[in-house]
């Protein structure tokens, strides 16, 4: 089943290294674009995390946030850079005097600046964290994919309904095309009789004119291609994996064929059917922007 490009997934895990939380949100995008935020201490996993996401998501804009809350034991690796803190303090004092701001500089103000409080962990411990980081991200990805699949099922229902409408309209166009030739023949015959003052119509000449009309307005090939495109569209939305780009291409071909039919035919019923079909195709293409 096809999947939507919008979704959300969350994963949580408690380990001896602390509590890990992963949140992944995806929105529509023409290609795959992954933006992720990791704690500084886990920055070495940057490429691994990105590849993990790419293995499960094929299209859309992805926002991933990984949060790591350390345990008390691991927290002993936290240290304060006093030189940096003192530098911030001195600069704040100078800024106070320059701006003539009253009041003391609080400790909470200083430690909020980057680089004052740091966290270090040995490379060995960091390397041992990867299985847990992978697990929590995979849990979030599982939930994300399920969420996108559920949304995709609603899109499939809507696309199936619209394609069913198009098939019905095309069926009416096919019937109208045959009737239009007969109507043209009757109208032409009547017109000739009026202009000739009631004299018998030249049947041979009439048949030639009708044949020319039928040739110029023949939409058999276009209808056949429409049937083929509609079949491929219905078949594709039932498949798994990435389908958005292929479905959009098929929708373009449907639009091209119905445009050709509209340029060849002048009958009211066919023109009405062409407009209705193009409206449905536009709605389909709008929905396809949400499909992976």
Protein backbone atom coordinates (compact mmCIF):
# COMPACT_ATOMS: atom_id res chain seq x y z
CA UNK A 1 0.00 0.00 0.00
CA UNK A 2 1.28 3.48 -0.82
CA UNK A 3 2.25 5.83 2.01
CA UNK A 4 1.67 9.49 2.71
CA UNK A 5 4.66 11.83 3.02
CA UNK A 6 3.28 13.36 6.22
CA UNK A 7 3.60 11.55 9.52
CA UNK A 8 5.03 11.42 13.02
CA UNK A 9 6.89 8.79 15.01
CA UNK A 10 8.34 8.62 18.52
CA UNK A 11 10.64 6.21 20.30
CA UNK A 12 11.80 5.93 23.91
CA UNK A 13 14.28 3.68 25.68
CA UNK A 14 15.83 3.53 29.17
CA UNK A 15 19.45 2.31 29.26
CA UNK A 16 22.42 2.27 31.60
CA UNK A 17 23.66 5.31 29.68
CA UNK A 18 20.49 7.24 30.36
CA UNK A 19 17.12 7.87 28.75
CA UNK A 20 16.91 8.26 24.97
CA UNK A 21 13.99 9.87 23.13
CA UNK A 22 13.66 10.09 19.36
CA UNK A 23 11.01 12.08 17.49
CA UNK A 24 10.65 12.09 13.71
CA UNK A 25 8.30 14.30 11.72
CA UNK A 26 7.90 14.27 7.93
CA UNK A 27 6.18 16.66 5.53
CA UNK A 28 5.72 16.90 1.76
CA UNK A 29 8.78 17.45 -0.40
CA UNK A 30 9.68 16.65 -4.00
CA UNK A 31 12.78 14.73 -2.96
CA UNK A 32 14.21 13.22 0.24
CA UNK A 33 15.74 15.76 2.61
CA UNK A 34 16.85 14.76 6.11
CA UNK A 35 17.42 17.32 8.86
CA UNK A 36 18.45 15.90 12.23
CA UNK A 37 19.47 17.27 15.60
CA UNK A 38 21.69 15.16 17.86
CA UNK A 39 23.28 15.92 21.23
CA UNK A 40 26.86 17.16 20.84
CA UNK A 41 28.18 14.04 22.55
CA UNK A 42 26.53 11.83 19.93
CA UNK A 43 27.61 13.82 16.90
CA UNK A 44 29.84 10.96 15.71
CA UNK A 45 26.66 9.06 14.80
CA UNK A 46 25.58 11.76 12.34
CA UNK A 47 26.07 9.73 9.15
CA UNK A 48 24.74 6.50 10.68
CA UNK A 49 21.52 8.23 11.75
CA UNK A 50 21.02 9.79 8.33
CA UNK A 51 21.57 6.45 6.56
CA UNK A 52 19.18 4.75 8.97
CA UNK A 53 16.45 7.23 8.08
CA UNK A 54 17.14 6.89 4.35
CA UNK A 55 16.72 3.13 4.57
CA UNK A 56 13.10 3.57 5.67
CA UNK A 57 11.98 6.87 4.13
CA UNK A 58 12.30 7.45 0.38
CA UNK A 59 10.63 10.80 -0.17
CA UNK A 60 9.70 13.86 1.87
CA UNK A 61 11.31 16.34 4.24
CA UNK A 62 12.37 14.62 7.46
CA UNK A 63 12.95 16.32 10.81
CA UNK A 64 14.60 14.11 13.46
CA UNK A 65 15.36 15.10 17.04
CA UNK A 66 17.29 12.84 19.41
CA UNK A 67 17.31 13.68 23.13
CA UNK A 68 19.67 12.04 25.61
CA UNK A 69 19.08 12.45 29.35
CA UNK A 70 22.11 11.12 31.22
CA UNK A 71 22.03 9.13 34.43
CA UNK A 72 23.74 10.38 37.59
CA UNK A 73 26.71 8.08 36.99
CA UNK A 74 27.25 9.32 33.46
CA UNK A 75 26.61 12.88 34.63
CA UNK A 76 29.92 12.89 36.50
CA UNK A 77 31.50 13.65 33.13
CA UNK A 78 29.94 17.11 33.18
CA UNK A 79 32.43 19.94 33.83
CA UNK A 80 32.37 23.74 33.93
CA UNK A 81 34.80 25.81 31.89
CA UNK A 82 35.66 28.50 34.43
CA UNK A 83 37.73 30.56 31.97
CA UNK A 84 34.81 30.83 29.57
CA UNK A 85 32.42 31.61 32.44
CA UNK A 86 34.74 34.37 33.74
CA UNK A 87 35.03 35.84 30.25
CA UNK A 88 31.24 36.01 29.91
CA UNK A 89 30.98 37.57 33.37
CA UNK A 90 33.53 40.32 32.57
CA UNK A 91 31.85 41.15 29.30
CA UNK A 92 28.45 41.32 30.96
CA UNK A 93 29.85 43.69 33.60
CA UNK A 94 31.22 45.99 30.89
CA UNK A 95 27.92 45.83 29.02
CA UNK A 96 26.03 46.74 32.23
CA UNK A 97 28.16 49.84 32.75
CA UNK A 98 27.88 50.89 29.13
CA UNK A 99 24.12 50.53 29.06
CA UNK A 100 23.76 51.73 32.69
CA UNK A 101 21.79 48.66 33.67
CA UNK A 102 21.32 48.06 37.40
CA UNK A 103 21.12 44.73 39.21
CA UNK A 104 23.51 41.83 39.83
CA UNK A 105 24.64 39.29 37.24
CA UNK A 106 23.13 35.94 38.19
CA UNK A 107 24.83 32.58 37.90
CA UNK A 108 21.88 31.31 35.86
CA UNK A 109 22.64 33.99 33.27
CA UNK A 110 26.25 32.88 32.88
CA UNK A 111 25.71 29.11 32.68
CA UNK A 112 23.06 29.61 29.98
CA UNK A 113 25.76 30.70 27.51
CA UNK A 114 27.25 28.04 25.22
CA UNK A 115 30.54 26.50 26.23
CA UNK A 116 30.22 27.16 29.98
CA UNK A 117 28.83 23.73 30.88
CA UNK A 118 30.23 20.86 28.85
CA UNK A 119 29.78 17.16 28.78
CA UNK A 120 32.50 14.70 27.94
CA UNK A 121 32.34 10.99 27.55
CA UNK A 122 35.03 8.56 26.60
CA UNK A 123 35.05 7.33 23.02
CA UNK A 124 34.62 3.80 24.30
CA UNK A 125 31.37 4.64 26.09
CA UNK A 126 30.08 6.62 23.12
CA UNK A 127 30.70 3.68 20.77
CA UNK A 128 28.75 1.43 23.13
CA UNK A 129 25.76 3.75 22.87
CA UNK A 130 25.12 3.16 19.17
CA UNK A 131 22.93 0.03 19.59
CA UNK A 132 20.63 2.01 21.89
CA UNK A 133 20.60 5.06 19.61
CA UNK A 134 19.77 2.78 16.68
CA UNK A 135 17.03 1.03 18.63
CA UNK A 136 15.25 4.21 19.69
CA UNK A 137 15.43 5.69 16.17
CA UNK A 138 14.16 2.46 14.61
CA UNK A 139 11.22 2.49 17.03
CA UNK A 140 10.42 6.05 15.96
CA UNK A 141 10.77 5.04 12.31
CA UNK A 142 8.42 2.07 12.80
CA UNK A 143 5.79 4.37 14.26
CA UNK A 144 6.40 6.96 11.54
CA UNK A 145 6.01 4.43 8.73
CA UNK A 146 2.80 3.09 10.30
CA UNK A 147 1.44 6.63 10.60
CA UNK A 148 2.32 7.36 6.96
CA UNK A 149 0.73 4.07 5.91
CA UNK A 150 -2.54 4.89 7.67
CA UNK A 151 -2.65 8.32 6.04
CA UNK A 152 -1.79 6.65 2.73
CA UNK A 153 -4.81 4.33 3.02
CA UNK A 154 -7.13 7.36 3.13
CA UNK A 155 -5.40 8.82 0.08
CA UNK A 156 -5.84 5.52 -1.78
CA UNK A 157 -9.57 5.57 -1.09
CA UNK A 158 -9.86 9.11 -2.42
CA UNK A 159 -7.75 8.37 -5.53
CA UNK A 160 -9.71 5.16 -6.23
CA UNK A 161 -13.00 7.05 -5.96
CA UNK A 162 -11.82 9.77 -8.35
CA UNK A 163 -10.46 7.25 -10.85
CA UNK A 164 -13.81 5.44 -10.77
CA UNK A 165 -15.50 8.74 -11.63
CA UNK A 166 -13.11 9.29 -14.53
CA UNK A 167 -13.82 5.80 -15.88
CA UNK A 168 -17.54 6.54 -15.82
CA UNK A 169 -17.05 9.86 -17.62
CA UNK A 170 -14.80 8.27 -20.25
CA UNK A 171 -17.43 5.59 -20.83
CA UNK A 172 -20.00 8.32 -21.52
CA UNK A 173 -17.55 10.09 -23.85
CA UNK A 174 -17.10 6.86 -25.82
CA UNK A 175 -20.87 6.55 -26.29
CA UNK A 176 -21.24 10.21 -27.24
CA UNK A 177 -18.49 9.94 -29.87
CA UNK A 178 -20.54 7.39 -31.84
CA UNK A 179 -23.72 9.41 -31.50
CA UNK A 180 -22.02 12.61 -32.68
CA UNK A 181 -21.18 11.07 -36.06
CA UNK A 182 -24.81 10.03 -36.58
CA UNK A 183 -26.02 13.49 -35.50
CA UNK A 184 -23.62 15.15 -37.91
CA UNK A 185 -24.85 12.97 -40.76
CA UNK A 186 -28.51 13.75 -40.05
CA UNK A 187 -27.88 17.50 -39.65
CA UNK A 188 -25.78 17.65 -42.83
CA UNK A 189 -28.41 15.75 -44.78
CA UNK A 190 -31.14 18.07 -43.52
CA UNK A 191 -29.06 21.15 -44.30
CA UNK A 192 -28.37 20.00 -47.86
CA UNK A 193 -32.08 19.41 -48.47
CA UNK A 194 -32.87 22.88 -47.22
CA UNK A 195 -30.29 24.50 -49.48
CA UNK A 196 -31.20 22.40 -52.51
CA UNK A 197 -34.91 23.23 -52.26
CA UNK A 198 -35.99 19.68 -51.48
CA UNK A 199 -34.02 17.89 -54.19
CA UNK A 200 -32.69 14.41 -53.34
CA UNK A 201 -29.39 14.35 -51.45
CA UNK A 202 -26.31 12.99 -53.22
CA UNK A 203 -25.74 9.94 -50.99
CA UNK A 204 -22.16 9.46 -52.22
CA UNK A 205 -21.13 13.01 -51.46
CA UNK A 206 -22.89 12.85 -48.10
CA UNK A 207 -21.04 9.69 -47.10
CA UNK A 208 -17.71 11.29 -48.05
CA UNK A 209 -18.41 14.33 -45.87
CA UNK A 210 -19.49 12.14 -42.97
CA UNK A 211 -16.39 9.98 -43.38
CA UNK A 212 -14.16 13.08 -43.27
CA UNK A 213 -15.92 14.28 -40.15
CA UNK A 214 -15.57 10.88 -38.51
CA UNK A 215 -11.85 10.78 -39.37
CA UNK A 216 -11.12 14.25 -38.01
CA UNK A 217 -13.03 13.64 -34.79
CA UNK A 218 -11.96 10.02 -34.25
CA UNK A 219 -10.81 9.60 -30.63
CA UNK A 220 -10.48 5.82 -30.60
CA UNK A 221 -6.72 5.88 -30.04
CA UNK A 222 -7.00 8.46 -27.27
CA UNK A 223 -9.72 6.44 -25.53
CA UNK A 224 -7.61 3.29 -25.76
CA UNK A 225 -4.62 5.06 -24.23
CA UNK A 226 -6.85 6.51 -21.52
CA UNK A 227 -8.05 3.01 -20.64
CA UNK A 228 -4.45 1.82 -20.42
CA UNK A 229 -3.37 4.75 -18.22
CA UNK A 230 -6.36 4.28 -15.91
CA UNK A 231 -5.53 0.59 -15.57
CA UNK A 232 -1.88 1.36 -14.74
CA UNK A 233 -2.91 4.01 -12.23
CA UNK A 234 -5.24 1.63 -10.37
CA UNK A 235 -2.58 -1.09 -10.45
CA UNK A 236 0.15 1.23 -9.13
CA UNK A 237 -1.77 2.54 -6.10
CA UNK A 238 -2.12 -1.05 -4.90
CA UNK A 239 1.63 -1.63 -4.89
CA UNK A 240 3.99 -1.04 -1.98
CA UNK A 241 7.03 1.23 -2.04
CA UNK A 242 7.60 4.60 -3.67
CA UNK A 243 4.79 5.36 -6.12
CA UNK A 244 4.21 9.13 -6.03
CA UNK A 245 6.42 10.05 -8.99
CA UNK A 246 5.05 7.27 -11.20
CA UNK A 247 1.46 8.12 -10.36
CA UNK A 248 2.11 11.78 -11.14
CA UNK A 249 3.55 10.81 -14.53
CA UNK A 250 0.46 8.70 -15.30
CA UNK A 251 -1.78 11.61 -14.26
CA UNK A 252 0.11 13.86 -16.70
CA UNK A 253 -0.51 11.36 -19.49
CA UNK A 254 -4.21 11.19 -18.60
CA UNK A 255 -4.38 14.97 -18.82
CA UNK A 256 -2.61 14.98 -22.19
CA UNK A 257 -4.99 12.42 -23.73
CA UNK A 258 -8.14 14.13 -22.45
CA UNK A 259 -6.84 17.44 -23.81
CA UNK A 260 -6.44 15.85 -27.25
CA UNK A 261 -9.99 14.50 -27.08
CA UNK A 262 -11.23 17.99 -26.21
CA UNK A 263 -9.46 19.53 -29.21
CA UNK A 264 -10.87 16.91 -31.61
CA UNK A 265 -14.48 16.90 -30.46
CA UNK A 266 -16.97 19.75 -30.45
CA UNK A 267 -20.05 17.91 -29.19
CA UNK A 268 -21.57 19.29 -25.98
CA UNK A 269 -21.57 16.00 -24.08
CA UNK A 270 -17.94 15.26 -24.93
CA UNK A 271 -16.81 18.80 -24.07
CA UNK A 272 -18.66 18.52 -20.76
CA UNK A 273 -17.01 15.16 -20.09
CA UNK A 274 -13.57 16.56 -20.92
CA UNK A 275 -14.01 19.41 -18.42
CA UNK A 276 -15.21 17.03 -15.69
CA UNK A 277 -12.31 14.64 -16.33
CA UNK A 278 -9.72 17.42 -16.23
CA UNK A 279 -11.20 18.63 -12.94
CA UNK A 280 -10.83 15.16 -11.41
CA UNK A 281 -7.28 14.80 -12.74
CA UNK A 282 -6.29 18.12 -11.18
CA UNK A 283 -7.67 16.96 -7.83
CA UNK A 284 -5.74 13.70 -8.21
CA UNK A 285 -2.48 15.54 -8.93
CA UNK A 286 -3.04 17.70 -5.87
CA UNK A 287 -3.42 14.59 -3.72
CA UNK A 288 -0.35 12.99 -5.29
CA UNK A 289 1.78 15.74 -3.76
CA UNK A 290 1.18 13.97 -0.44
CA UNK A 291 2.30 10.51 -1.59
CA UNK A 292 5.78 9.07 -1.07
